[in-house]
């Protein structure tokens, strides 16, 4: 359980750095954590295995989460569309990769 909490803090730190928020400033941590959770949900909804979407040691997942956070954090973000498109491309790539995608249920 402590490792999972440490991993969550690590991705939070990585997202804070991606947003260019200093490490000592934790005023926005709750909002950033909510956006991280939303990113994971978007990955799963897009067809990525839940265990992969929650694997903070996977570079593709970490990058996708950071890009999603950069697209969805704050209000007046002139780069939001660009980051959203980038996230969508990453999601499409992962959902087409057998190492990341959920298999359709047999009917």
PDB file of N, CA and C in Angstrom:
ATOM      1  N   UNK A   1       0.827  -1.190   0.000  1.00  0.00           N
ATOM      2  CA  UNK A   1       0.000   0.000   0.000  1.00  0.00           C
ATOM      3  C   UNK A   1       0.871   1.253   0.000  1.00  0.00           C
ATOM      4  N   UNK A   2       1.979   1.220   0.713  1.00  0.00           N
ATOM      5  CA  UNK A   2       2.864   2.381   0.771  1.00  0.00           C
ATOM      6  C   UNK A   2       3.485   2.644  -0.597  1.00  0.00           C
ATOM      7  N   UNK A   3       3.805   1.564  -1.348  1.00  0.00           N
ATOM      8  CA  UNK A   3       4.366   1.738  -2.691  1.00  0.00           C
ATOM      9  C   UNK A   3       3.372   2.418  -3.620  1.00  0.00           C
ATOM     10  N   UNK A   4       2.104   2.036  -3.527  1.00  0.00           N
ATOM     11  CA  UNK A   4       1.082   2.641  -4.368  1.00  0.00           C
ATOM     12  C   UNK A   4       0.933   4.136  -4.054  1.00  0.00           C
ATOM     13  N   UNK A   5       0.968   4.475  -2.767  1.00  0.00           N
ATOM     14  CA  UNK A   5       0.874   5.881  -2.376  1.00  0.00           C
ATOM     15  C   UNK A   5       2.105   6.641  -2.868  1.00  0.00           C
ATOM     16  N   UNK A   6       3.269   6.008  -2.790  1.00  0.00           N
ATOM     17  CA  UNK A   6       4.504   6.642  -3.256  1.00  0.00           C
ATOM     18  C   UNK A   6       4.449   6.858  -4.770  1.00  0.00           C
ATOM     19  N   UNK A   7       3.938   5.858  -5.516  1.00  0.00           N
ATOM     20  CA  UNK A   7       3.807   5.993  -6.966  1.00  0.00           C
ATOM     21  C   UNK A   7       2.860   7.132  -7.313  1.00  0.00           C
ATOM     22  N   UNK A   8       1.726   7.220  -6.585  1.00  0.00           N
ATOM     23  CA  UNK A   8       0.773   8.304  -6.844  1.00  0.00           C
ATOM     24  C   UNK A   8       1.427   9.653  -6.590  1.00  0.00           C
ATOM     25  N   UNK A   9       2.201   9.753  -5.537  1.00  0.00           N
ATOM     26  CA  UNK A   9       2.887  11.009  -5.242  1.00  0.00           C
ATOM     27  C   UNK A   9       3.912  11.305  -6.328  1.00  0.00           C
ATOM     28  N   UNK A  10       4.569  10.267  -6.818  1.00  0.00           N
ATOM     29  CA  UNK A  10       5.580  10.441  -7.853  1.00  0.00           C
ATOM     30  C   UNK A  10       4.953  10.984  -9.135  1.00  0.00           C
ATOM     31  N   UNK A  11       3.812  10.443  -9.573  1.00  0.00           N
ATOM     32  CA  UNK A  11       3.161  10.941 -10.786  1.00  0.00           C
ATOM     33  C   UNK A  11       2.620  12.344 -10.538  1.00  0.00           C
ATOM     34  N   UNK A  12       2.192  12.621  -9.329  1.00  0.00           N
ATOM     35  CA  UNK A  12       1.757  13.978  -8.986  1.00  0.00           C
ATOM     36  C   UNK A  12       2.927  14.951  -9.111  1.00  0.00           C
ATOM     37  N   UNK A  13       4.075  14.562  -8.598  1.00  0.00           N
ATOM     38  CA  UNK A  13       5.278  15.394  -8.711  1.00  0.00           C
ATOM     39  C   UNK A  13       5.655  15.603 -10.175  1.00  0.00           C
ATOM     40  N   UNK A  14       5.565  14.539 -10.969  1.00  0.00           N
ATOM     41  CA  UNK A  14       5.906  14.631 -12.386  1.00  0.00           C
ATOM     42  C   UNK A  14       4.947  15.570 -13.126  1.00  0.00           C
ATOM     43  N   UNK A  15       3.676  15.513 -12.775  1.00  0.00           N
ATOM     44  CA  UNK A  15       2.693  16.395 -13.411  1.00  0.00           C
ATOM     45  C   UNK A  15       2.881  17.835 -12.961  1.00  0.00           C
ATOM     46  N   UNK A  16       3.192  18.020 -11.693  1.00  0.00           N
ATOM     47  CA  UNK A  16       3.463  19.377 -11.196  1.00  0.00           C
ATOM     48  C   UNK A  16       4.649  19.969 -11.952  1.00  0.00           C
ATOM     49  N   UNK A  17       5.683  19.176 -12.162  1.00  0.00           N
ATOM     50  CA  UNK A  17       6.854  19.649 -12.909  1.00  0.00           C
ATOM     51  C   UNK A  17       6.496  19.932 -14.371  1.00  0.00           C
ATOM     52  N   UNK A  18       5.669  19.082 -14.978  1.00  0.00           N
ATOM     53  CA  UNK A  18       5.253  19.293 -16.370  1.00  0.00           C
ATOM     54  C   UNK A  18       4.459  20.589 -16.517  1.00  0.00           C
ATOM     55  N   UNK A  19       3.748  20.956 -15.461  1.00  0.00           N
ATOM     56  CA  UNK A  19       2.981  22.204 -15.466  1.00  0.00           C
ATOM     57  C   UNK A  19       3.831  23.408 -15.082  1.00  0.00           C
ATOM     58  N   UNK A  20       5.090  23.160 -14.792  1.00  0.00           N
ATOM     59  CA  UNK A  20       6.042  24.206 -14.375  1.00  0.00           C
ATOM     60  C   UNK A  20       5.655  24.838 -13.048  1.00  0.00           C
ATOM     61  N   UNK A  21       5.087  24.004 -12.174  1.00  0.00           N
ATOM     62  CA  UNK A  21       4.751  24.437 -10.819  1.00  0.00           C
ATOM     63  C   UNK A  21       5.897  23.994  -9.918  1.00  0.00           C
ATOM     64  N   UNK A  22       6.483  24.888  -9.142  1.00  0.00           N
ATOM     65  CA  UNK A  22       7.618  24.525  -8.290  1.00  0.00           C
ATOM     66  C   UNK A  22       7.266  23.400  -7.303  1.00  0.00           C
ATOM     67  N   UNK A  23       8.238  22.573  -6.998  1.00  0.00           N
ATOM     68  CA  UNK A  23       8.034  21.430  -6.116  1.00  0.00           C
ATOM     69  C   UNK A  23       7.509  21.832  -4.741  1.00  0.00           C
ATOM     70  N   UNK A  24       7.886  23.009  -4.266  1.00  0.00           N
ATOM     71  CA  UNK A  24       7.458  23.439  -2.932  1.00  0.00           C
ATOM     72  C   UNK A  24       6.014  23.939  -2.914  1.00  0.00           C
ATOM     73  N   UNK A  25       5.419  24.159  -4.067  1.00  0.00           N
ATOM     74  CA  UNK A  25       4.046  24.670  -4.152  1.00  0.00           C
ATOM     75  C   UNK A  25       3.080  23.506  -4.319  1.00  0.00           C
ATOM     76  N   UNK A  26       2.312  23.250  -3.277  1.00  0.00           N
ATOM     77  CA  UNK A  26       1.340  22.154  -3.363  1.00  0.00           C
ATOM     78  C   UNK A  26      -0.103  22.667  -3.309  1.00  0.00           C
ATOM     79  N   UNK A  27      -0.290  23.944  -3.617  1.00  0.00           N
ATOM     80  CA  UNK A  27      -1.618  24.544  -3.579  1.00  0.00           C
ATOM     81  C   UNK A  27      -2.588  23.890  -4.561  1.00  0.00           C
ATOM     82  N   UNK A  28      -2.079  23.336  -5.644  1.00  0.00           N
ATOM     83  CA  UNK A  28      -2.939  22.797  -6.698  1.00  0.00           C
ATOM     84  C   UNK A  28      -2.949  21.268  -6.736  1.00  0.00           C
ATOM     85  N   UNK A  29      -2.346  20.637  -5.734  1.00  0.00           N
ATOM     86  CA  UNK A  29      -2.196  19.180  -5.758  1.00  0.00           C
ATOM     87  C   UNK A  29      -3.524  18.441  -5.854  1.00  0.00           C
ATOM     88  N   UNK A  30      -4.537  18.910  -5.165  1.00  0.00           N
ATOM     89  CA  UNK A  30      -5.833  18.222  -5.205  1.00  0.00           C
ATOM     90  C   UNK A  30      -6.427  18.280  -6.617  1.00  0.00           C
ATOM     91  N   UNK A  31      -6.347  19.452  -7.240  1.00  0.00           N
ATOM     92  CA  UNK A  31      -6.864  19.593  -8.608  1.00  0.00           C
ATOM     93  C   UNK A  31      -6.055  18.739  -9.580  1.00  0.00           C
ATOM     94  N   UNK A  32      -4.742  18.755  -9.439  1.00  0.00           N
ATOM     95  CA  UNK A  32      -3.889  17.947 -10.316  1.00  0.00           C
ATOM     96  C   UNK A  32      -4.199  16.464 -10.129  1.00  0.00           C
ATOM     97  N   UNK A  33      -4.380  16.029  -8.882  1.00  0.00           N
ATOM     98  CA  UNK A  33      -4.700  14.623  -8.605  1.00  0.00           C
ATOM     99  C   UNK A  33      -6.027  14.225  -9.253  1.00  0.00           C
ATOM    100  N   UNK A  34      -7.003  15.132  -9.225  1.00  0.00           N
ATOM    101  CA  UNK A  34      -8.287  14.850  -9.872  1.00  0.00           C
ATOM    102  C   UNK A  34      -8.119  14.701 -11.379  1.00  0.00           C
ATOM    103  N   UNK A  35      -7.290  15.539 -11.983  1.00  0.00           N
ATOM    104  CA  UNK A  35      -7.060  15.452 -13.430  1.00  0.00           C
ATOM    105  C   UNK A  35      -6.294  14.169 -13.759  1.00  0.00           C
ATOM    106  N   UNK A  36      -5.377  13.772 -12.903  1.00  0.00           N
ATOM    107  CA  UNK A  36      -4.664  12.493 -13.100  1.00  0.00           C
ATOM    108  C   UNK A  36      -5.659  11.339 -13.094  1.00  0.00           C
ATOM    109  N   UNK A  37      -6.576  11.344 -12.124  1.00  0.00           N
ATOM    110  CA  UNK A  37      -7.603  10.289 -12.064  1.00  0.00           C
ATOM    111  C   UNK A  37      -8.471  10.304 -13.321  1.00  0.00           C
ATOM    112  N   UNK A  38      -8.808  11.496 -13.801  1.00  0.00           N
ATOM    113  CA  UNK A  38      -9.600  11.607 -15.030  1.00  0.00           C
ATOM    114  C   UNK A  38      -8.827  11.051 -16.218  1.00  0.00           C
ATOM    115  N   UNK A  39      -7.527  11.303 -16.267  1.00  0.00           N
ATOM    116  CA  UNK A  39      -6.694  10.777 -17.353  1.00  0.00           C
ATOM    117  C   UNK A  39      -6.713   9.254 -17.351  1.00  0.00           C
ATOM    118  N   UNK A  40      -6.582   8.668 -16.177  1.00  0.00           N
ATOM    119  CA  UNK A  40      -6.621   7.205 -16.075  1.00  0.00           C
ATOM    120  C   UNK A  40      -7.974   6.675 -16.552  1.00  0.00           C
ATOM    121  N   UNK A  41      -9.046   7.356 -16.162  1.00  0.00           N
ATOM    122  CA  UNK A  41     -10.386   6.946 -16.590  1.00  0.00           C
ATOM    123  C   UNK A  41     -10.539   7.042 -18.103  1.00  0.00           C
ATOM    124  N   UNK A  42      -9.991   8.091 -18.698  1.00  0.00           N
ATOM    125  CA  UNK A  42     -10.042   8.255 -20.156  1.00  0.00           C
ATOM    126  C   UNK A  42      -9.261   7.139 -20.850  1.00  0.00           C
ATOM    127  N   UNK A  43      -8.120   6.778 -20.290  1.00  0.00           N
ATOM    128  CA  UNK A  43      -7.340   5.688 -20.865  1.00  0.00           C
ATOM    129  C   UNK A  43      -8.137   4.388 -20.856  1.00  0.00           C
ATOM    130  N   UNK A  44      -8.769   4.085 -19.730  1.00  0.00           N
ATOM    131  CA  UNK A  44      -9.551   2.855 -19.618  1.00  0.00           C
ATOM    132  C   UNK A  44     -10.762   2.915 -20.555  1.00  0.00           C
ATOM    133  N   UNK A  45     -11.455   4.050 -20.579  1.00  0.00           N
ATOM    134  CA  UNK A  45     -12.614   4.204 -21.463  1.00  0.00           C
ATOM    135  C   UNK A  45     -12.211   4.068 -22.930  1.00  0.00           C
ATOM    136  N   UNK A  46     -10.980   4.432 -23.236  1.00  0.00           N
ATOM    137  CA  UNK A  46     -10.475   4.337 -24.604  1.00  0.00           C
ATOM    138  C   UNK A  46      -9.953   2.962 -24.978  1.00  0.00           C
ATOM    139  N   UNK A  47     -10.015   2.017 -24.045  1.00  0.00           N
ATOM    140  CA  UNK A  47      -9.632   0.647 -24.356  1.00  0.00           C
ATOM    141  C   UNK A  47      -8.333   0.162 -23.748  1.00  0.00           C
ATOM    142  N   UNK A  48      -7.691   0.971 -22.921  1.00  0.00           N
ATOM    143  CA  UNK A  48      -6.443   0.550 -22.265  1.00  0.00           C
ATOM    144  C   UNK A  48      -6.797  -0.277 -21.030  1.00  0.00           C
ATOM    145  N   UNK A  49      -6.072  -1.345 -20.848  1.00  0.00           N
ATOM    146  CA  UNK A  49      -6.292  -2.204 -19.676  1.00  0.00           C
ATOM    147  C   UNK A  49      -6.173  -1.382 -18.389  1.00  0.00           C
ATOM    148  N   UNK A  50      -7.084  -1.579 -17.439  1.00  0.00           N
ATOM    149  CA  UNK A  50      -7.009  -0.820 -16.182  1.00  0.00           C
ATOM    150  C   UNK A  50      -5.670  -0.976 -15.466  1.00  0.00           C
ATOM    151  N   UNK A  51      -5.106  -2.185 -15.475  1.00  0.00           N
ATOM    152  CA  UNK A  51      -3.831  -2.377 -14.790  1.00  0.00           C
ATOM    153  C   UNK A  51      -2.712  -1.602 -15.492  1.00  0.00           C
ATOM    154  N   UNK A  52      -2.817  -1.437 -16.803  1.00  0.00           N
ATOM    155  CA  UNK A  52      -1.836  -0.623 -17.528  1.00  0.00           C
ATOM    156  C   UNK A  52      -2.050   0.864 -17.236  1.00  0.00           C
ATOM    157  N   UNK A  53      -3.304   1.305 -17.237  1.00  0.00           N
ATOM    158  CA  UNK A  53      -3.617   2.719 -16.992  1.00  0.00           C
ATOM    159  C   UNK A  53      -3.159   3.162 -15.605  1.00  0.00           C
ATOM    160  N   UNK A  54      -3.025   2.213 -14.695  1.00  0.00           N
ATOM    161  CA  UNK A  54      -2.596   2.516 -13.333  1.00  0.00           C
ATOM    162  C   UNK A  54      -1.133   2.187 -13.078  1.00  0.00           C
ATOM    163  N   UNK A  55      -0.397   1.852 -14.131  1.00  0.00           N
ATOM    164  CA  UNK A  55       1.018   1.487 -14.000  1.00  0.00           C
ATOM    165  C   UNK A  55       1.896   2.724 -14.207  1.00  0.00           C
ATOM    166  N   UNK A  56       2.255   3.366 -13.113  1.00  0.00           N
ATOM    167  CA  UNK A  56       3.054   4.588 -13.187  1.00  0.00           C
ATOM    168  C   UNK A  56       4.505   4.341 -13.565  1.00  0.00           C
ATOM    169  N   UNK A  57       4.908   3.076 -13.675  1.00  0.00           N
ATOM    170  CA  UNK A  57       6.274   2.787 -14.101  1.00  0.00           C
ATOM    171  C   UNK A  57       6.374   2.697 -15.622  1.00  0.00           C
ATOM    172  N   UNK A  58       5.249   2.707 -16.315  1.00  0.00           N
ATOM    173  CA  UNK A  58       5.218   2.620 -17.771  1.00  0.00           C
ATOM    174  C   UNK A  58       5.368   4.021 -18.362  1.00  0.00           C
ATOM    175  N   UNK A  59       6.400   4.214 -19.151  1.00  0.00           N
ATOM    176  CA  UNK A  59       6.693   5.528 -19.717  1.00  0.00           C
ATOM    177  C   UNK A  59       5.584   6.085 -20.596  1.00  0.00           C
ATOM    178  N   UNK A  60       4.946   5.228 -21.390  1.00  0.00           N
ATOM    179  CA  UNK A  60       3.862   5.704 -22.256  1.00  0.00           C
ATOM    180  C   UNK A  60       2.672   6.184 -21.432  1.00  0.00           C
ATOM    181  N   UNK A  61       2.384   5.468 -20.367  1.00  0.00           N
ATOM    182  CA  UNK A  61       1.275   5.864 -19.491  1.00  0.00           C
ATOM    183  C   UNK A  61       1.610   7.175 -18.798  1.00  0.00           C
ATOM    184  N   UNK A  62       2.813   7.273 -18.255  1.00  0.00           N
ATOM    185  CA  UNK A  62       3.225   8.511 -17.576  1.00  0.00           C
ATOM    186  C   UNK A  62       3.144   9.711 -18.520  1.00  0.00           C
ATOM    187  N   UNK A  63       3.639   9.548 -19.743  1.00  0.00           N
ATOM    188  CA  UNK A  63       3.604  10.644 -20.697  1.00  0.00           C
ATOM    189  C   UNK A  63       2.167  11.010 -21.067  1.00  0.00           C
ATOM    190  N   UNK A  64       1.332  10.019 -21.302  1.00  0.00           N
ATOM    191  CA  UNK A  64      -0.069  10.291 -21.643  1.00  0.00           C
ATOM    192  C   UNK A  64      -0.769  11.042 -20.510  1.00  0.00           C
ATOM    193  N   UNK A  65      -0.508  10.646 -19.272  1.00  0.00           N
ATOM    194  CA  UNK A  65      -1.118  11.331 -18.132  1.00  0.00           C
ATOM    195  C   UNK A  65      -0.629  12.769 -18.051  1.00  0.00           C
ATOM    196  N   UNK A  66       0.665  12.983 -18.229  1.00  0.00           N
ATOM    197  CA  UNK A  66       1.198  14.353 -18.171  1.00  0.00           C
ATOM    198  C   UNK A  66       0.604  15.222 -19.276  1.00  0.00           C
ATOM    199  N   UNK A  67       0.482  14.682 -20.462  1.00  0.00           N
ATOM    200  CA  UNK A  67      -0.099  15.440 -21.573  1.00  0.00           C
ATOM    201  C   UNK A  67      -1.567  15.760 -21.283  1.00  0.00           C
ATOM    202  N   UNK A  68      -2.303  14.792 -20.746  1.00  0.00           N
ATOM    203  CA  UNK A  68      -3.709  15.017 -20.398  1.00  0.00           C
ATOM    204  C   UNK A  68      -3.821  16.112 -19.341  1.00  0.00           C
ATOM    205  N   UNK A  69      -2.950  16.051 -18.347  1.00  0.00           N
ATOM    206  CA  UNK A  69      -2.961  17.064 -17.294  1.00  0.00           C
ATOM    207  C   UNK A  69      -2.654  18.439 -17.889  1.00  0.00           C
ATOM    208  N   UNK A  70      -1.678  18.505 -18.776  1.00  0.00           N
ATOM    209  CA  UNK A  70      -1.342  19.796 -19.390  1.00  0.00           C
ATOM    210  C   UNK A  70      -2.508  20.332 -20.220  1.00  0.00           C
ATOM    211  N   UNK A  71      -3.306  19.454 -20.800  1.00  0.00           N
ATOM    212  CA  UNK A  71      -4.456  19.881 -21.599  1.00  0.00           C
ATOM    213  C   UNK A  71      -5.620  20.341 -20.730  1.00  0.00           C
ATOM    214  N   UNK A  72      -5.747  19.774 -19.536  1.00  0.00           N
ATOM    215  CA  UNK A  72      -6.963  19.976 -18.751  1.00  0.00           C
ATOM    216  C   UNK A  72      -6.780  20.727 -17.440  1.00  0.00           C
ATOM    217  N   UNK A  73      -5.583  21.184 -17.157  1.00  0.00           N
ATOM    218  CA  UNK A  73      -5.344  21.915 -15.916  1.00  0.00           C
ATOM    219  C   UNK A  73      -5.506  23.404 -16.170  1.00  0.00           C
ATOM    220  N   UNK A  74      -6.215  24.064 -15.264  1.00  0.00           N
ATOM    221  CA  UNK A  74      -6.367  25.513 -15.363  1.00  0.00           C
ATOM    222  C   UNK A  74      -7.465  25.908 -16.342  1.00  0.00           C
ATOM    223  N   UNK A  75      -7.627  27.208 -16.492  1.00  0.00           N
ATOM    224  CA  UNK A  75      -8.725  27.718 -17.300  1.00  0.00           C
ATOM    225  C   UNK A  75      -8.271  28.175 -18.691  1.00  0.00           C
ATOM    226  N   UNK A  76      -7.563  29.250 -18.773  1.00  0.00           N
ATOM    227  CA  UNK A  76      -7.173  29.830 -20.068  1.00  0.00           C
ATOM    228  C   UNK A  76      -5.866  29.229 -20.550  1.00  0.00           C
ATOM    229  N   UNK A  77      -5.969  28.049 -21.145  1.00  0.00           N
ATOM    230  CA  UNK A  77      -4.789  27.350 -21.632  1.00  0.00           C
ATOM    231  C   UNK A  77      -4.793  27.401 -23.161  1.00  0.00           C
ATOM    232  N   UNK A  78      -3.976  28.248 -23.756  1.00  0.00           N
ATOM    233  CA  UNK A  78      -3.974  28.361 -25.223  1.00  0.00           C
ATOM    234  C   UNK A  78      -3.495  27.091 -25.933  1.00  0.00           C
ATOM    235  N   UNK A  79      -2.816  26.207 -25.216  1.00  0.00           N
ATOM    236  CA  UNK A  79      -2.302  24.977 -25.815  1.00  0.00           C
ATOM    237  C   UNK A  79      -3.189  23.764 -25.562  1.00  0.00           C
ATOM    238  N   UNK A  80      -4.352  23.959 -24.973  1.00  0.00           N
ATOM    239  CA  UNK A  80      -5.216  22.840 -24.589  1.00  0.00           C
ATOM    240  C   UNK A  80      -5.573  21.959 -25.782  1.00  0.00           C
ATOM    241  N   UNK A  81      -5.937  22.552 -26.899  1.00  0.00           N
ATOM    242  CA  UNK A  81      -6.320  21.753 -28.073  1.00  0.00           C
ATOM    243  C   UNK A  81      -5.161  20.902 -28.576  1.00  0.00           C
ATOM    244  N   UNK A  82      -4.003  21.486 -28.609  1.00  0.00           N
ATOM    245  CA  UNK A  82      -2.812  20.755 -29.078  1.00  0.00           C
ATOM    246  C   UNK A  82      -2.512  19.565 -28.169  1.00  0.00           C
ATOM    247  N   UNK A  83      -2.578  19.780 -26.855  1.00  0.00           N
ATOM    248  CA  UNK A  83      -2.320  18.685 -25.913  1.00  0.00           C
ATOM    249  C   UNK A  83      -3.426  17.634 -25.957  1.00  0.00           C
ATOM    250  N   UNK A  84      -4.664  18.073 -26.155  1.00  0.00           N
ATOM    251  CA  UNK A  84      -5.780  17.129 -26.255  1.00  0.00           C
ATOM    252  C   UNK A  84      -5.591  16.220 -27.467  1.00  0.00           C
ATOM    253  N   UNK A  85      -5.222  16.792 -28.591  1.00  0.00           N
ATOM    254  CA  UNK A  85      -4.980  15.996 -29.800  1.00  0.00           C
ATOM    255  C   UNK A  85      -3.815  15.031 -29.585  1.00  0.00           C
ATOM    256  N   UNK A  86      -2.791  15.483 -28.897  1.00  0.00           N
ATOM    257  CA  UNK A  86      -1.648  14.621 -28.609  1.00  0.00           C
ATOM    258  C   UNK A  86      -2.064  13.443 -27.731  1.00  0.00           C
ATOM    259  N   UNK A  87      -2.862  13.726 -26.701  1.00  0.00           N
ATOM    260  CA  UNK A  87      -3.354  12.652 -25.833  1.00  0.00           C
ATOM    261  C   UNK A  87      -4.181  11.658 -26.649  1.00  0.00           C
ATOM    262  N   UNK A  88      -5.054  12.168 -27.502  1.00  0.00           N
ATOM    263  CA  UNK A  88      -5.899  11.290 -28.308  1.00  0.00           C
ATOM    264  C   UNK A  88      -5.064  10.392 -29.221  1.00  0.00           C
ATOM    265  N   UNK A  89      -3.984  10.935 -29.777  1.00  0.00           N
ATOM    266  CA  UNK A  89      -3.078  10.125 -30.607  1.00  0.00           C
ATOM    267  C   UNK A  89      -2.410   9.028 -29.778  1.00  0.00           C
ATOM    268  N   UNK A  90      -1.974   9.386 -28.581  1.00  0.00           N
ATOM    269  CA  UNK A  90      -1.354   8.386 -27.696  1.00  0.00           C
ATOM    270  C   UNK A  90      -2.352   7.300 -27.324  1.00  0.00           C
ATOM    271  N   UNK A  91      -3.587   7.708 -27.021  1.00  0.00           N
ATOM    272  CA  UNK A  91      -4.627   6.752 -26.650  1.00  0.00           C
ATOM    273  C   UNK A  91      -4.919   5.816 -27.824  1.00  0.00           C
ATOM    274  N   UNK A  92      -5.017   6.362 -29.017  1.00  0.00           N
ATOM    275  CA  UNK A  92      -5.254   5.538 -30.203  1.00  0.00           C
ATOM    276  C   UNK A  92      -4.119   4.534 -30.393  1.00  0.00           C
ATOM    277  N   UNK A  93      -2.903   4.995 -30.208  1.00  0.00           N
ATOM    278  CA  UNK A  93      -1.743   4.119 -30.345  1.00  0.00           C
ATOM    279  C   UNK A  93      -1.776   2.994 -29.312  1.00  0.00           C
ATOM    280  N   UNK A  94      -2.060   3.347 -28.064  1.00  0.00           N
ATOM    281  CA  UNK A  94      -2.082   2.322 -27.006  1.00  0.00           C
ATOM    282  C   UNK A  94      -3.240   1.356 -27.185  1.00  0.00           C
ATOM    283  N   UNK A  95      -4.397   1.877 -27.591  1.00  0.00           N
ATOM    284  CA  UNK A  95      -5.557   0.987 -27.739  1.00  0.00           C
ATOM    285  C   UNK A  95      -5.383   0.035 -28.919  1.00  0.00           C
ATOM    286  N   UNK A  96      -4.467   0.347 -29.838  1.00  0.00           N
ATOM    287  CA  UNK A  96      -4.161  -0.550 -30.940  1.00  0.00           C
ATOM    288  C   UNK A  96      -3.012  -1.498 -30.656  1.00  0.00           C
ATOM    289  N   UNK A  97      -2.395  -1.347 -29.510  1.00  0.00           N
ATOM    290  CA  UNK A  97      -1.246  -2.160 -29.116  1.00  0.00           C
ATOM    291  C   UNK A  97      -1.726  -3.272 -28.186  1.00  0.00           C
ATOM    292  N   UNK A  98      -1.472  -4.513 -28.555  1.00  0.00           N
ATOM    293  CA  UNK A  98      -1.970  -5.645 -27.766  1.00  0.00           C
ATOM    294  C   UNK A  98      -1.441  -5.650 -26.329  1.00  0.00           C
ATOM    295  N   UNK A  99      -0.348  -4.985 -26.077  1.00  0.00           N
ATOM    296  CA  UNK A  99       0.189  -4.921 -24.716  1.00  0.00           C
ATOM    297  C   UNK A  99      -0.631  -3.986 -23.822  1.00  0.00           C
ATOM    298  N   UNK A 100      -1.470  -3.148 -24.435  1.00  0.00           N
ATOM    299  CA  UNK A 100      -2.222  -2.153 -23.677  1.00  0.00           C
ATOM    300  C   UNK A 100      -3.733  -2.319 -23.760  1.00  0.00           C
ATOM    301  N   UNK A 101      -4.229  -2.956 -24.776  1.00  0.00           N
ATOM    302  CA  UNK A 101      -5.674  -2.919 -25.013  1.00  0.00           C
ATOM    303  C   UNK A 101      -6.423  -4.049 -24.332  1.00  0.00           C
ATOM    304  N   UNK A 102      -7.675  -3.745 -24.087  1.00  0.00           N
ATOM    305  CA  UNK A 102      -8.595  -4.756 -23.586  1.00  0.00           C
ATOM    306  C   UNK A 102      -9.125  -5.520 -24.796  1.00  0.00           C
ATOM    307  N   UNK A 103      -9.286  -6.782 -24.636  1.00  0.00           N
ATOM    308  CA  UNK A 103      -9.811  -7.607 -25.726  1.00  0.00           C
ATOM    309  C   UNK A 103     -11.332  -7.580 -25.668  1.00  0.00           C
ATOM    310  N   UNK A 104     -11.990  -7.528 -26.821  1.00  0.00           N
ATOM    311  CA  UNK A 104     -13.445  -7.529 -26.812  1.00  0.00           C
ATOM    312  C   UNK A 104     -13.975  -8.850 -26.254  1.00  0.00           C
ATOM    313  N   UNK A 105     -15.063  -8.758 -25.545  1.00  0.00           N
ATOM    314  CA  UNK A 105     -15.680  -9.951 -24.955  1.00  0.00           C
ATOM    315  C   UNK A 105     -16.264 -10.826 -26.068  1.00  0.00           C
ATOM    316  N   UNK A 106     -16.147 -12.145 -25.892  1.00  0.00           N
ATOM    317  CA  UNK A 106     -16.758 -13.074 -26.859  1.00  0.00           C
ATOM    318  C   UNK A 106     -18.272 -12.990 -26.737  1.00  0.00           C
ATOM    319  N   UNK A 107     -18.905 -12.988 -27.872  1.00  0.00           N
ATOM    320  CA  UNK A 107     -20.376 -12.888 -27.845  1.00  0.00           C
ATOM    321  C   UNK A 107     -21.005 -14.210 -28.093  1.00  0.00           C
TER     322      UNK A 107
END
